[in-house]
Protein backbone atom coordinates (compact mmCIF):
# COMPACT_ATOMS: atom_id res chain seq x y z
CA MET A 1 27.88 -21.45 -13.29
CA SER A 2 27.68 -25.33 -13.48
CA GLU A 3 25.67 -27.02 -16.28
CA GLN A 4 23.15 -28.09 -13.72
CA MET A 5 22.46 -24.73 -12.23
CA LEU A 6 22.11 -23.26 -15.81
CA ASP A 7 19.23 -26.01 -16.27
CA LYS A 8 17.32 -24.08 -13.58
CA VAL A 9 18.09 -20.65 -15.09
CA ASN A 10 15.07 -19.59 -17.33
CA THR A 11 17.17 -17.39 -19.93
CA LEU A 12 18.33 -17.62 -23.33
CA SER A 13 21.95 -16.66 -22.33
CA HIS A 14 23.76 -16.17 -18.95
CA PRO A 15 22.04 -13.65 -16.27
CA THR A 16 24.78 -11.53 -16.47
CA GLN A 17 23.82 -10.76 -19.83
CA LEU A 18 20.32 -9.64 -19.30
CA LYS A 19 19.48 -6.11 -20.49
CA ILE A 20 16.26 -3.98 -19.98
CA THR A 21 15.20 -3.10 -23.54
CA ASP A 22 11.59 -1.37 -22.65
CA LEU A 23 9.01 -0.27 -20.04
CA ARG A 24 5.42 0.04 -20.65
CA LEU A 25 2.19 0.64 -18.78
CA ALA A 26 -1.29 -0.15 -18.94
CA VAL A 27 -3.91 1.65 -16.47
CA VAL A 28 -6.72 -0.54 -14.93
CA CYS A 29 -9.73 1.39 -13.98
CA SER A 30 -10.67 0.54 -10.32
CA ASN A 31 -11.85 1.77 -7.04
CA TYR A 32 -8.07 3.08 -6.84
CA ASP A 33 -6.88 2.94 -10.31
CA TYR A 34 -3.82 0.43 -10.95
CA PRO A 35 -1.03 1.59 -13.29
CA ILE A 36 0.38 -1.87 -13.95
CA LEU A 37 3.91 -1.78 -15.64
CA ARG A 38 5.95 -4.28 -17.51
CA ILE A 39 9.90 -4.44 -17.80
CA ASP A 40 11.12 -6.20 -20.99
CA THR A 41 14.61 -7.51 -21.72
CA ASN A 42 16.88 -8.70 -24.29
CA GLN A 43 16.19 -12.34 -23.42
CA GLY A 44 12.32 -12.29 -23.75
CA ILE A 45 11.85 -12.40 -19.91
CA TYR A 46 9.85 -9.74 -18.29
CA GLY A 47 8.93 -8.48 -14.80
CA ILE A 48 5.63 -7.00 -13.81
CA GLY A 49 4.89 -4.37 -10.94
CA GLU A 50 2.65 -1.50 -10.33
CA VAL A 51 2.63 2.10 -9.38
CA ARG A 52 0.97 2.76 -6.16
CA ASP A 53 -3.14 2.72 -6.43
CA ALA A 54 -4.41 6.15 -7.64
CA GLY A 55 -0.91 7.06 -8.84
CA HIS A 56 0.14 7.87 -12.55
CA ALA A 57 1.89 5.99 -15.10
CA GLU A 58 4.37 8.91 -15.31
CA ASN A 59 5.75 8.25 -11.81
CA ALA A 60 7.54 5.01 -13.38
CA LEU A 61 7.83 6.34 -16.90
CA GLN A 62 10.37 9.24 -15.78
CA PHE A 63 12.76 6.61 -15.01
CA LYS A 64 12.87 4.76 -18.45
CA SER A 65 15.82 6.46 -19.86
CA MET A 66 17.70 5.53 -16.54
CA LEU A 67 16.69 1.78 -16.97
CA LEU A 68 17.43 1.14 -20.67
CA GLY A 69 20.43 -0.96 -21.05
CA GLN A 70 20.80 -1.91 -17.37
CA ASN A 71 21.03 -5.31 -16.08
CA PRO A 72 17.92 -5.95 -14.04
CA CYS A 73 19.75 -8.43 -11.66
CA ASN A 74 21.58 -5.32 -10.33
CA VAL A 75 18.32 -4.39 -8.64
CA ASP A 76 20.01 -2.50 -5.67
CA MET A 77 22.16 -0.35 -7.89
CA ILE A 78 19.30 0.46 -9.89
CA PHE A 79 17.27 1.20 -6.89
CA ARG A 80 20.08 3.41 -5.47
CA SER A 81 20.11 5.52 -8.85
CA ILE A 82 16.27 6.17 -8.89
CA LYS A 83 15.01 6.27 -5.12
CA HIS A 84 16.40 10.04 -4.91
CA PHE A 85 13.64 11.14 -7.22
CA GLY A 86 10.73 9.55 -5.25
CA ASN A 87 8.81 10.95 -2.56
CA TRP A 88 6.07 10.65 0.01
CA GLY A 89 2.70 9.20 -0.80
CA ARG A 90 1.94 8.47 -4.47
CA GLU A 91 4.98 10.16 -5.70
CA GLY A 92 6.84 6.85 -4.27
CA GLY A 93 4.89 4.67 -6.57
CA GLY A 94 7.20 4.89 -9.32
CA VAL A 95 10.19 3.81 -7.62
CA SER A 96 8.64 1.27 -5.59
CA GLY A 97 6.68 -0.33 -8.78
CA ILE A 98 9.88 -0.69 -10.71
CA GLU A 99 11.47 -2.39 -7.90
CA LEU A 100 8.68 -4.96 -7.61
CA ALA A 101 9.04 -5.60 -11.58
CA LEU A 102 12.90 -6.10 -10.97
CA TRP A 103 12.58 -8.61 -8.25
CA ASP A 104 9.94 -10.53 -10.44
CA LEU A 105 12.33 -10.44 -13.41
CA ILE A 106 15.10 -11.88 -11.19
CA GLY A 107 13.00 -14.53 -9.73
CA LYS A 108 11.90 -15.91 -13.03
CA ALA A 109 15.48 -15.79 -14.53
CA TYR A 110 16.54 -17.82 -11.66
CA GLY A 111 13.47 -19.91 -11.29
CA VAL A 112 13.06 -18.97 -7.44
CA PRO A 113 10.03 -17.19 -5.80
CA CYS A 114 10.63 -13.52 -4.46
CA TYR A 115 10.50 -14.52 -1.04
CA GLN A 116 13.70 -16.58 -1.32
CA LEU A 117 15.46 -13.46 -2.62
CA LEU A 118 14.53 -11.52 0.53
CA GLY A 119 16.07 -14.19 2.86
CA GLY A 120 13.40 -16.96 2.88
CA LYS A 121 9.87 -17.26 4.60
CA TYR A 122 8.74 -17.33 8.16
CA ARG A 123 5.14 -18.68 7.23
CA ASP A 124 3.34 -20.16 4.55
CA LYS A 125 0.19 -18.07 4.83
CA ILE A 126 -0.47 -14.67 5.16
CA ARG A 127 -3.33 -13.18 7.34
CA ILE A 128 -5.44 -10.76 5.28
CA TYR A 129 -7.31 -7.86 7.23
CA ALA A 130 -10.25 -6.76 5.12
CA ASP A 131 -11.23 -3.07 4.44
CA THR A 132 -14.80 -2.39 5.04
CA PRO A 133 -16.62 -0.03 2.75
CA GLN A 134 -18.72 2.52 4.66
CA PRO A 135 -22.44 1.62 5.15
CA THR A 136 -25.21 3.78 3.85
CA ASP A 137 -26.66 3.51 7.05
CA LEU A 138 -24.28 5.46 9.43
CA THR A 139 -25.84 4.13 12.35
CA PRO A 140 -24.12 1.86 14.95
CA GLU A 141 -26.57 -0.84 13.68
CA GLY A 142 -25.54 -0.18 10.04
CA TYR A 143 -22.01 -0.41 10.86
CA ALA A 144 -22.31 -3.77 12.91
CA ARG A 145 -24.23 -5.31 9.76
CA ARG A 146 -21.39 -4.13 7.23
CA VAL A 147 -18.69 -5.56 9.37
CA LEU A 148 -20.51 -8.69 10.18
CA GLY A 149 -20.67 -9.39 6.34
CA ARG A 150 -16.86 -9.20 6.24
CA LYS A 151 -16.54 -11.86 9.16
CA GLN A 152 -19.12 -14.00 7.05
CA MET A 153 -16.56 -13.93 4.42
CA GLY A 154 -14.26 -15.79 6.48
CA LEU A 155 -12.10 -12.90 7.65
CA THR A 156 -10.78 -12.86 11.27
CA PHE A 157 -9.30 -9.39 11.11
CA ILE A 158 -11.26 -6.49 9.99
CA LYS A 159 -10.76 -2.80 9.43
CA PHE A 160 -13.59 -0.04 9.37
CA ASP A 161 -13.82 3.71 9.06
CA VAL A 162 -14.84 5.90 12.35
CA GLY A 163 -14.50 9.45 12.03
CA PRO A 164 -16.30 12.90 11.90
CA HIS A 165 -18.23 11.68 8.73
CA LEU A 166 -20.24 9.79 11.41
CA LEU A 167 -21.56 13.02 12.75
CA ASP A 168 -22.60 14.93 9.69
CA ASP A 169 -26.37 14.23 10.35
CA TYR A 170 -25.88 13.46 13.86
CA GLU A 171 -27.67 16.37 16.26
CA ASP A 172 -25.07 18.27 18.47
CA GLY A 173 -22.13 16.25 17.28
CA PHE A 174 -20.01 19.23 16.38
CA ILE A 175 -19.50 22.54 17.70
CA GLY A 176 -19.39 25.62 15.30
CA GLN A 177 -19.59 25.73 11.59
CA ALA A 178 -17.03 25.22 8.91
CA THR A 179 -15.73 28.16 6.86
CA LYS A 180 -17.46 28.15 3.38
CA PHE A 181 -15.49 27.25 0.43
CA GLU A 182 -16.17 26.53 -3.30
CA TYR A 183 -14.51 23.32 -4.80
CA GLY A 184 -16.60 20.97 -2.74
CA MET A 185 -14.55 18.25 -0.90
CA GLY A 186 -17.85 17.20 0.78
CA ARG A 187 -17.52 17.99 4.44
CA GLY A 188 -16.89 21.30 5.80
CA TRP A 189 -14.86 20.01 8.58
CA ARG A 190 -12.21 18.83 6.06
CA ALA A 191 -12.13 22.42 4.02
CA PRO A 192 -8.43 23.29 3.64
CA GLY A 193 -7.71 26.74 4.92
CA SER A 194 -10.78 26.88 7.01
CA GLY A 195 -9.19 27.01 10.15
CA PRO A 196 -9.93 24.99 13.40
CA VAL A 197 -13.39 26.46 13.93
CA VAL A 198 -15.13 23.03 14.21
CA ARG A 199 -14.88 20.89 17.31
CA ILE A 200 -16.24 17.53 18.25
CA THR A 201 -18.51 17.31 21.28
CA ASP A 202 -18.56 15.00 23.94
CA ARG A 203 -21.85 13.67 22.58
CA GLY A 204 -19.79 13.22 19.25
CA ILE A 205 -17.12 11.17 20.86
CA ALA A 206 -19.52 9.11 22.43
CA ARG A 207 -21.34 8.53 19.06
CA MET A 208 -18.41 7.15 17.45
CA ALA A 209 -17.46 5.07 20.29
CA GLU A 210 -21.17 3.79 20.30
CA VAL A 211 -20.18 2.70 16.64
CA VAL A 212 -17.27 0.50 17.62
CA ALA A 213 -19.13 -0.95 20.82
CA ALA A 214 -21.77 -2.26 18.26
CA VAL A 215 -19.38 -3.82 15.78
CA ARG A 216 -17.37 -5.32 18.81
CA ALA A 217 -20.70 -6.88 20.03
CA ALA A 218 -21.86 -8.10 16.58
CA VAL A 219 -18.47 -10.06 15.69
CA GLY A 220 -17.31 -10.94 19.08
CA TRP A 221 -14.01 -11.10 20.80
CA GLU A 222 -12.56 -13.66 18.78
CA THR A 223 -12.19 -11.18 15.54
CA SER A 224 -9.74 -8.56 15.37
CA LEU A 225 -10.79 -5.00 14.68
CA CYS A 226 -9.03 -1.83 13.70
CA ILE A 227 -10.39 1.57 12.69
CA ASP A 228 -9.36 4.24 10.27
CA HIS A 229 -10.15 7.73 8.97
CA PHE A 230 -10.19 10.18 11.89
CA GLY A 231 -6.80 11.24 11.63
CA HIS A 232 -4.95 12.96 8.83
CA GLY A 233 -5.98 16.37 10.14
CA MET A 234 -9.56 15.75 10.18
CA MET A 235 -9.37 15.85 14.20
CA THR A 236 -6.90 17.65 16.26
CA VAL A 237 -4.64 15.65 18.40
CA LYS A 238 -6.60 16.24 21.61
CA GLU A 239 -9.71 15.03 20.03
CA VAL A 240 -7.81 11.86 18.79
CA ILE A 241 -6.71 11.23 22.25
CA ARG A 242 -10.20 11.85 23.65
CA LEU A 243 -11.78 9.34 21.00
CA GLY A 244 -8.76 6.88 21.75
CA LYS A 245 -9.68 6.97 25.60
CA ALA A 246 -13.26 6.40 24.78
CA LEU A 247 -12.49 3.25 22.75
CA GLU A 248 -10.00 1.60 25.04
CA PRO A 249 -12.75 -1.03 26.21
CA TYR A 250 -13.36 -2.55 22.83
CA GLY A 251 -9.88 -4.15 22.34
CA LEU A 252 -8.94 -2.48 19.10
CA ALA A 253 -5.81 -3.93 17.26
CA TRP A 254 -4.95 -0.27 16.25
CA MET A 255 -6.32 2.98 15.38
CA GLU A 256 -4.67 4.37 12.26
CA ASP A 257 -3.16 7.48 11.03
CA PRO A 258 -4.06 9.76 13.99
CA ALA A 259 -2.14 12.78 12.73
CA PRO A 260 -0.91 14.26 9.51
CA TRP A 261 1.75 11.80 8.04
CA TRP A 262 4.80 14.02 8.62
CA ASP A 263 4.10 14.91 12.28
CA VAL A 264 6.40 12.83 14.36
CA GLU A 265 5.57 14.84 17.85
CA ALA A 266 1.50 14.41 17.04
CA HIS A 267 1.59 10.61 16.62
CA LYS A 268 3.76 10.27 19.76
CA ALA A 269 1.47 12.46 21.62
CA VAL A 270 -1.35 10.22 20.86
CA THR A 271 0.70 6.98 21.42
CA ASP A 272 1.80 8.09 24.69
CA ALA A 273 -1.69 9.21 25.87
CA VAL A 274 -4.17 6.23 24.78
CA GLY A 275 -4.25 2.57 25.53
CA VAL A 276 -5.44 1.64 21.92
CA PRO A 277 -2.25 0.98 19.90
CA VAL A 278 -1.29 3.50 17.06
CA ALA A 279 -0.27 2.34 13.51
CA ALA A 280 0.93 4.70 10.64
CA GLY A 281 3.04 4.90 7.87
CA GLU A 282 1.26 4.36 4.52
CA GLU A 283 2.51 7.53 3.14
CA TRP A 284 6.08 7.20 4.50
CA TYR A 285 9.02 6.91 1.82
CA LEU A 286 12.02 4.68 2.20
CA TRP A 287 13.88 3.51 5.45
CA ASP A 288 14.72 7.15 6.17
CA GLY A 289 11.08 8.20 6.37
CA PHE A 290 10.19 5.60 9.00
CA ARG A 291 13.42 6.04 10.79
CA PRO A 292 12.05 9.06 13.33
CA PHE A 293 8.86 7.44 14.07
CA ILE A 294 10.69 4.17 14.87
CA GLU A 295 13.57 5.64 16.97
CA SER A 296 11.33 7.93 19.06
CA ARG A 297 8.42 5.15 19.35
CA ALA A 298 6.07 7.43 17.86
CA VAL A 299 3.85 4.51 16.94
CA ASP A 300 3.11 1.09 18.22
CA ILE A 301 2.80 -0.61 14.89
CA ILE A 302 4.27 0.52 11.59
CA HIS A 303 2.12 0.30 8.51
CA PRO A 304 4.18 0.81 5.11
CA ASP A 305 2.48 0.42 1.95
CA LEU A 306 5.36 -1.20 -0.07
CA LEU A 307 4.21 0.75 -3.27
CA THR A 308 5.27 3.94 -1.50
CA SER A 309 7.90 2.88 1.03
CA GLY A 310 10.18 1.58 -1.58
CA GLY A 311 9.18 -1.77 -2.75
CA MET A 312 9.75 -5.45 -1.51
CA ALA A 313 13.58 -5.33 -0.02
CA GLU A 314 13.25 -1.66 1.26
CA THR A 315 10.03 -2.54 3.32
CA LYS A 316 11.67 -5.59 4.59
CA ARG A 317 14.66 -3.42 5.95
CA ILE A 318 11.96 -1.02 7.46
CA ALA A 319 10.37 -3.98 9.24
CA ASP A 320 13.44 -5.33 10.57
CA TYR A 321 14.71 -2.12 11.90
CA ALA A 322 11.40 -1.44 13.52
CA GLU A 323 11.66 -4.99 15.23
CA ARG A 324 14.69 -3.87 16.99
CA TYR A 325 12.67 -1.31 18.75
CA GLY A 326 9.69 -3.77 19.57
CA ILE A 327 7.63 -2.37 16.96
CA PRO A 328 5.70 -4.93 14.73
CA THR A 329 4.69 -4.30 10.98
CA ALA A 330 1.20 -4.56 9.28
CA LEU A 331 0.94 -3.79 5.52
CA HIS A 332 -1.36 -1.20 3.71
CA PHE A 333 -2.50 -2.32 0.35
CA ALA A 334 -5.16 -1.25 -2.08
CA GLY A 335 -3.95 -2.45 -5.44
CA SER A 336 -4.09 -5.28 -7.93
CA PRO A 337 -3.30 -9.03 -7.65
CA ILE A 338 0.32 -8.06 -8.84
CA ALA A 339 1.01 -5.96 -5.70
CA LEU A 340 -0.76 -8.58 -3.71
CA MET A 341 1.61 -10.95 -4.57
CA ALA A 342 4.52 -8.80 -3.80
CA ASN A 343 3.08 -8.13 -0.53
CA LEU A 344 2.69 -11.95 0.13
CA HIS A 345 6.31 -12.56 -0.56
CA THR A 346 7.20 -9.48 1.57
CA ALA A 347 4.99 -10.51 4.53
CA ALA A 348 6.69 -13.95 4.39
CA ALA A 349 9.89 -12.55 4.79
CA ILE A 350 9.11 -10.29 7.95
CA PRO A 351 9.35 -11.91 11.27
CA SER A 352 7.35 -9.48 13.05
CA PHE A 353 4.57 -9.41 10.51
CA VAL A 354 0.88 -8.83 11.79
CA ALA A 355 -1.68 -8.70 8.92
CA LEU A 356 -2.11 -7.54 5.35
CA GLU A 357 -4.83 -5.28 3.98
CA HIS A 358 -6.92 -5.92 0.99
CA HIS A 359 -9.24 -3.72 -0.71
CA GLY A 360 -10.39 -5.91 -3.66
CA LEU A 361 -12.93 -8.26 -2.13
CA ASP A 362 -15.99 -6.56 -3.83
CA LEU A 363 -14.51 -6.13 -7.23
CA PRO A 364 -15.86 -8.65 -9.60
CA PHE A 365 -13.11 -8.27 -12.21
CA TRP A 366 -10.11 -8.27 -9.90
CA ASN A 367 -9.02 -11.84 -10.10
CA ASP A 368 -9.36 -11.52 -13.86
CA LEU A 369 -6.11 -9.20 -14.13
CA VAL A 370 -3.75 -11.84 -13.80
CA THR A 371 -3.19 -15.61 -14.39
CA GLY A 372 -1.81 -18.14 -12.06
CA MET A 373 -4.07 -17.10 -9.14
CA PRO A 374 -5.43 -19.90 -7.05
CA VAL A 375 -9.23 -20.26 -6.96
CA PRO A 376 -10.27 -19.27 -4.30
CA TYR A 377 -7.20 -17.44 -3.31
CA LEU A 378 -8.60 -16.53 0.15
CA GLU A 379 -9.33 -19.13 2.52
CA ASP A 380 -10.42 -18.78 6.22
CA GLY A 381 -8.97 -15.23 6.13
CA TYR A 382 -5.53 -16.31 4.91
CA VAL A 383 -3.62 -16.43 1.29
CA THR A 384 -1.07 -18.86 0.63
CA VAL A 385 2.56 -17.55 -0.34
CA PRO A 386 3.02 -18.42 -4.01
CA GLU A 387 5.91 -20.96 -4.84
CA LYS A 388 6.16 -20.08 -8.45
CA PRO A 389 9.11 -18.09 -9.90
CA GLY A 390 9.21 -14.31 -9.39
CA LEU A 391 6.02 -12.93 -8.13
CA GLY A 392 4.02 -15.89 -8.83
CA VAL A 393 1.44 -14.57 -11.48
CA ASP A 394 1.50 -13.24 -15.24
CA LEU A 395 -0.56 -10.71 -16.88
CA ASN A 396 -4.03 -11.53 -18.05
CA LEU A 397 -4.12 -9.21 -21.36
CA GLU A 398 -7.70 -9.68 -21.99
CA GLY A 399 -8.62 -9.28 -18.25
CA ILE A 400 -6.59 -6.00 -18.16
CA GLN A 401 -8.00 -4.59 -21.76
CA ALA A 402 -11.64 -5.07 -20.53
CA ASN A 403 -10.69 -2.83 -17.66
CA LEU A 404 -8.49 -0.15 -19.09
CA ARG A 405 -8.79 3.53 -17.83
CA PRO A 406 -9.04 5.81 -21.08
CA PRO A 407 -6.64 7.14 -22.66
CA SER A 408 -4.60 4.31 -21.38
CA GLY A 409 -3.69 1.69 -24.00
CA LEU A 410 -2.68 -1.85 -23.39
CA PHE A 411 1.07 -1.66 -22.90
CA GLU A 412 1.63 0.73 -25.86
CA PRO A 413 5.09 2.09 -26.98
CA THR A 414 6.70 4.85 -24.50
CA GLU A 415 9.51 5.88 -26.82
CA ALA A 416 8.87 9.36 -25.96
CA TRP A 417 10.28 8.55 -22.38
CA ASN A 418 13.70 6.95 -24.09
CA THR A 419 15.50 10.16 -23.89
CA PRO A 420 16.62 11.76 -20.35
CA LYS A 421 14.24 14.66 -19.42
CA LEU A 422 17.50 16.13 -17.38
CA SER A 423 20.12 17.21 -19.42
CA PHE A 424 23.69 18.24 -18.64
CA TRP A 425 25.56 21.03 -20.49
CA GLN A 426 28.22 19.54 -23.09
CA PRO A 427 30.93 21.41 -24.90
CA ASP A 428 29.91 20.03 -28.38
CA ARG A 429 26.09 20.46 -27.71
CA ARG A 430 24.16 23.77 -28.80
CA TRP A 431 20.72 24.36 -26.81
CA ASP A 432 19.11 25.91 -29.93
CA LYS A 433 19.24 22.47 -31.71
């Protein structure tokens, strides 16, 4: 490496001498808790990432013994070593969060933004689509007011929830009664094990369509709209198809997660039957998890959460593979500003990118978790891709300390995780020692 190149490298020695020395976490209390992680090295450089929202610090800590002593620049080798121990949903959060921190660390070491490590960028600004909290008034008018409030914040792409919850107090929306259950998930029609005893009437389907029609009328046709929270087994495939057909006149960008995450055939049945595009993928893990849905064209849009799908590089691989089949990519996201930055870099590097979700618009402390965020960071519905090394932000310890979820401490020692939990028999080792 030339002396001129070394001047650009933020290290105390050569990058080949970097070694991981520690992994620590702090869990931030939020609408979905954020387990924020930090990977330290022997050269004083550290990388930051986070486990998937509502995940657990242990999802990342289980890999600490495998990370210690490794050169973080060997990110692909490390990823291949730990990815076998992740899984769908929040169980992919540890693998994915560590991957984010490694890329952040490498970007800082070499003085380049993470998007450059992913092959460069296709865009300077990333379009945000806003998640919209459910209104207290579950009427068409109540939904219209709530979504219009998002538009007034400058958002041009908005998601809101349409599902059986709209019919809880709506006369003749359901047929039948749910089987009783004790632990209280809140709505009888969601009771696990209750069986398919509740069905949605034509009147109920019409009510959900009425809500969407009111929202469309309120925000106009220049605003992109999408909907969520009617799938995941809450409605049968046939009911989702009935609803999808009823929603076709309102020009939705997509309807999200119409069936349980693992069911390829159910997704394809909905996709083939309705004119509204289908998006799914926030629970899928790695390229392997997306492959059957992509190759069978079971969805119109893939919707990975990079804190489950395997991190930044894996998500780009997934998106590039989907593009071969004519399937674009939107990104699911409900985390902290750290993961927002990771999503921005990844979205910038995806040619077929559509929009990025954001759940933090109503959290007053959200910006205070990091330093380096522009103020305001959201302008006209877009966020600018960071140009600083790594992810482009750093930890604000005071902001994190003020919002910890007890009993979490502030990046406290984790020596208990230094020793591998999986041991193999050795001739000179006695198991009673």
